[in-house]
Structures are given as C-alpha cells and as structure tokens.
Amino acid sequence: MFEEQVSKGIEVLNRNRPNWRDKIDIEALDTNDWRDCVLGQVFGSYSDGMDALLPEFSLTSEHCLSVAYTVFDMRTSFANDNGFDARENVRELTLEWKRVLA
C-alpha cells in the first residue's frame, strides 16, 4: 500500500545520510511517534530530520510541504472525513517500513 512512499523516503535518506539504516531499531519503529519514526530514530526527532533533509522547508512552501507529507508523514493524508481509517493507514505505513528494512 505504501511501497512508493517508503521507496521515496529511502532514496532521500540514502542520498543524505548513507548510514541511516544503522540507527533504525525495527522493533521500536512507529511512524506515528515523532521519536520512533524513521526520522526520529535517525535524527533524534521528526522535526530535526525534516530540518536536516529539507532545510528550505517552510509552511509557506507548498512543494516542500507536499514532499514532507508524501515521503515521511502520511498522517495528514489519512483524514477520516476522506474515508480513510487513520490508525489503520499509519499502522500499514509502519509495517511497510519494517518489511523493507528487515
């Protein structure tokens, strides 16, 4: 379900942090937690990771915001009023990261 998003995330991390996988604790990985998500584990927090990978990121930059949500933070795409089950999709995203990193 989230193969493309995880693949994009891996591309960005490989390009910017070649040894990022060494910092990942797969059992603790949780895309719904700012410390245990991929960026949290690699950079210390989700926001520190965004600052490091997308220094030009700002709330006024639609492109950067789109990249950030698409690659690393799918929660905003899971609004229940759009017919998505937010918890289930976050769980599926976590499972896809774990599958790819195993």
C-alpha atoms as a PDB file:
ATOM      1  CA  MET A   1       0.000   0.000   0.000  1.00  0.00           C
ATOM      2  CA  PHE A   2       2.827   2.444   0.825  1.00  0.00           C
ATOM      3  CA  GLU A   3       5.623   0.991  -1.254  1.00  0.00           C
ATOM      4  CA  GLU A   4       6.115   4.206  -3.247  1.00  0.00           C
ATOM      5  CA  GLN A   5       6.268   6.452  -0.171  1.00  0.00           C
ATOM      6  CA  VAL A   6       8.752   4.197   1.613  1.00  0.00           C
ATOM      7  CA  SER A   7      10.855   3.946  -1.543  1.00  0.00           C
ATOM      8  CA  LYS A   8      10.972   7.747  -1.820  1.00  0.00           C
ATOM      9  CA  GLY A   9      11.902   8.039   1.840  1.00  0.00           C
ATOM     10  CA  ILE A  10      14.736   5.553   1.390  1.00  0.00           C
ATOM     11  CA  GLU A  11      16.006   7.483  -1.653  1.00  0.00           C
ATOM     12  CA  VAL A  12      16.129  10.733   0.292  1.00  0.00           C
ATOM     13  CA  LEU A  13      17.817   9.125   3.279  1.00  0.00           C
ATOM     14  CA  ASN A  14      20.364   7.232   1.162  1.00  0.00           C
ATOM     15  CA  ARG A  15      21.291  10.445  -0.609  1.00  0.00           C
ATOM     16  CA  ASN A  16      21.636  12.491   2.573  1.00  0.00           C
ATOM     17  CA  ARG A  17      22.571  10.002   5.334  1.00  0.00           C
ATOM     18  CA  PRO A  18      24.311   6.973   3.827  1.00  0.00           C
ATOM     19  CA  ASN A  19      24.494   5.027   7.137  1.00  0.00           C
ATOM     20  CA  TRP A  20      20.982   5.849   8.326  1.00  0.00           C
ATOM     21  CA  ARG A  21      19.884   2.204   8.481  1.00  0.00           C
ATOM     22  CA  ASP A  22      22.395   1.547  11.268  1.00  0.00           C
ATOM     23  CA  LYS A  23      20.329   3.770  13.565  1.00  0.00           C
ATOM     24  CA  ILE A  24      16.984   2.050  12.996  1.00  0.00           C
ATOM     25  CA  ASP A  25      15.521  -0.181  15.694  1.00  0.00           C
ATOM     26  CA  ILE A  26      12.945  -2.067  13.640  1.00  0.00           C
ATOM     27  CA  GLU A  27      11.062  -3.347  16.680  1.00  0.00           C
ATOM     28  CA  ALA A  28      10.611   0.187  18.046  1.00  0.00           C
ATOM     29  CA  LEU A  29       9.759   1.698  14.637  1.00  0.00           C
ATOM     30  CA  ASP A  30       6.434   3.538  14.746  1.00  0.00           C
ATOM     31  CA  THR A  31       5.523   6.103  12.085  1.00  0.00           C
ATOM     32  CA  ASN A  32       3.007   7.659  14.441  1.00  0.00           C
ATOM     33  CA  ASP A  33       5.665   8.671  17.009  1.00  0.00           C
ATOM     34  CA  TRP A  34       7.998  11.644  16.490  1.00  0.00           C
ATOM     35  CA  ARG A  35      10.888   9.830  18.189  1.00  0.00           C
ATOM     36  CA  ASP A  36      10.338   6.287  16.935  1.00  0.00           C
ATOM     37  CA  CYS A  37       9.510   7.108  13.305  1.00  0.00           C
ATOM     38  CA  VAL A  38      12.328   6.756  10.782  1.00  0.00           C
ATOM     39  CA  LEU A  39      13.360  10.413  11.029  1.00  0.00           C
ATOM     40  CA  GLY A  40      13.083  10.339  14.806  1.00  0.00           C
ATOM     41  CA  GLN A  41      15.414   7.380  15.048  1.00  0.00           C
ATOM     42  CA  VAL A  42      17.914   8.778  12.551  1.00  0.00           C
ATOM     43  CA  PHE A  43      17.930  12.437  13.607  1.00  0.00           C
ATOM     44  CA  GLY A  44      16.537  12.431  17.146  1.00  0.00           C
ATOM     45  CA  SER A  45      13.113  13.761  16.209  1.00  0.00           C
ATOM     46  CA  TYR A  46      10.850  14.068  13.204  1.00  0.00           C
ATOM     47  CA  SER A  47      11.310  17.861  13.068  1.00  0.00           C
ATOM     48  CA  ASP A  48      15.115  17.623  13.332  1.00  0.00           C
ATOM     49  CA  GLY A  49      15.046  15.180  10.430  1.00  0.00           C
ATOM     50  CA  MET A  50      12.903  17.492   8.337  1.00  0.00           C
ATOM     51  CA  ASP A  51      15.254  20.392   9.128  1.00  0.00           C
ATOM     52  CA  ALA A  52      18.263  18.298   8.069  1.00  0.00           C
ATOM     53  CA  LEU A  53      16.750  16.849   4.898  1.00  0.00           C
ATOM     54  CA  LEU A  54      14.671  19.801   3.749  1.00  0.00           C
ATOM     55  CA  PRO A  55      16.309  22.941   5.178  1.00  0.00           C
ATOM     56  CA  GLU A  56      14.212  25.078   2.850  1.00  0.00           C
ATOM     57  CA  PHE A  57      11.044  23.549   4.322  1.00  0.00           C
ATOM     58  CA  SER A  58       8.504  26.081   5.414  1.00  0.00           C
ATOM     59  CA  LEU A  59       4.765  26.091   5.864  1.00  0.00           C
ATOM     60  CA  THR A  60       4.525  28.576   3.005  1.00  0.00           C
ATOM     61  CA  SER A  61       6.336  26.314   0.575  1.00  0.00           C
ATOM     62  CA  GLU A  62       3.670  24.091  -0.945  1.00  0.00           C
ATOM     63  CA  HIS A  63       6.202  21.887  -2.763  1.00  0.00           C
ATOM     64  CA  CYS A  64       8.275  21.168   0.352  1.00  0.00           C
ATOM     65  CA  LEU A  65       5.171  20.551   2.398  1.00  0.00           C
ATOM     66  CA  SER A  66       3.930  18.094  -0.207  1.00  0.00           C
ATOM     67  CA  VAL A  67       7.283  16.269  -0.277  1.00  0.00           C
ATOM     68  CA  ALA A  68       7.374  16.082   3.505  1.00  0.00           C
ATOM     69  CA  TYR A  69       3.887  14.645   3.784  1.00  0.00           C
ATOM     70  CA  THR A  70       4.323  12.265   0.882  1.00  0.00           C
ATOM     71  CA  VAL A  71       7.667  10.868   1.962  1.00  0.00           C
ATOM     72  CA  PHE A  72       7.720  10.971   5.731  1.00  0.00           C
ATOM     73  CA  ASP A  73       4.448  11.947   7.359  1.00  0.00           C
ATOM     74  CA  MET A  74       1.417  10.257   5.922  1.00  0.00           C
ATOM     75  CA  ARG A  75      -0.852  11.091   8.871  1.00  0.00           C
ATOM     76  CA  THR A  76      -2.143  14.249   7.199  1.00  0.00           C
ATOM     77  CA  SER A  77      -3.366  12.207   4.244  1.00  0.00           C
ATOM     78  CA  PHE A  78      -5.423   9.958   6.466  1.00  0.00           C
ATOM     79  CA  ALA A  79      -8.226  12.322   7.404  1.00  0.00           C
ATOM     80  CA  ASN A  80     -11.204  10.257   8.445  1.00  0.00           C
ATOM     81  CA  ASP A  81     -13.587  12.567   6.594  1.00  0.00           C
ATOM     82  CA  ASN A  82     -11.960  11.428   3.353  1.00  0.00           C
ATOM     83  CA  GLY A  83     -12.989   7.870   4.018  1.00  0.00           C
ATOM     84  CA  PHE A  84      -9.635   6.681   5.353  1.00  0.00           C
ATOM     85  CA  ASP A  85      -9.023   4.936   8.639  1.00  0.00           C
ATOM     86  CA  ALA A  86      -6.119   6.993  10.001  1.00  0.00           C
ATOM     87  CA  ARG A  87      -4.943   4.447  12.565  1.00  0.00           C
ATOM     88  CA  GLU A  88      -5.029   1.587  10.093  1.00  0.00           C
ATOM     89  CA  ASN A  89      -3.076   3.531   7.476  1.00  0.00           C
ATOM     90  CA  VAL A  90      -0.406   4.639   9.959  1.00  0.00           C
ATOM     91  CA  ARG A  91      -0.110   1.014  11.059  1.00  0.00           C
ATOM     92  CA  GLU A  92       0.223  -0.091   7.418  1.00  0.00           C
ATOM     93  CA  LEU A  93       2.914   2.543   6.772  1.00  0.00           C
ATOM     94  CA  THR A  94       4.857   1.312   9.808  1.00  0.00           C
ATOM     95  CA  LEU A  95       4.535  -2.280   8.610  1.00  0.00           C
ATOM     96  CA  GLU A  96       5.798  -1.345   5.131  1.00  0.00           C
ATOM     97  CA  TRP A  97       8.889   0.374   6.597  1.00  0.00           C
ATOM     98  CA  LYS A  98       9.524  -2.682   8.769  1.00  0.00           C
ATOM     99  CA  ARG A  99       9.076  -5.051   5.815  1.00  0.00           C
ATOM    100  CA  VAL A 100      11.515  -3.129   3.643  1.00  0.00           C
ATOM    101  CA  LEU A 101      14.102  -2.689   6.398  1.00  0.00           C
ATOM    102  CA  ALA A 102      14.013  -6.284   7.650  1.00  0.00           C
END
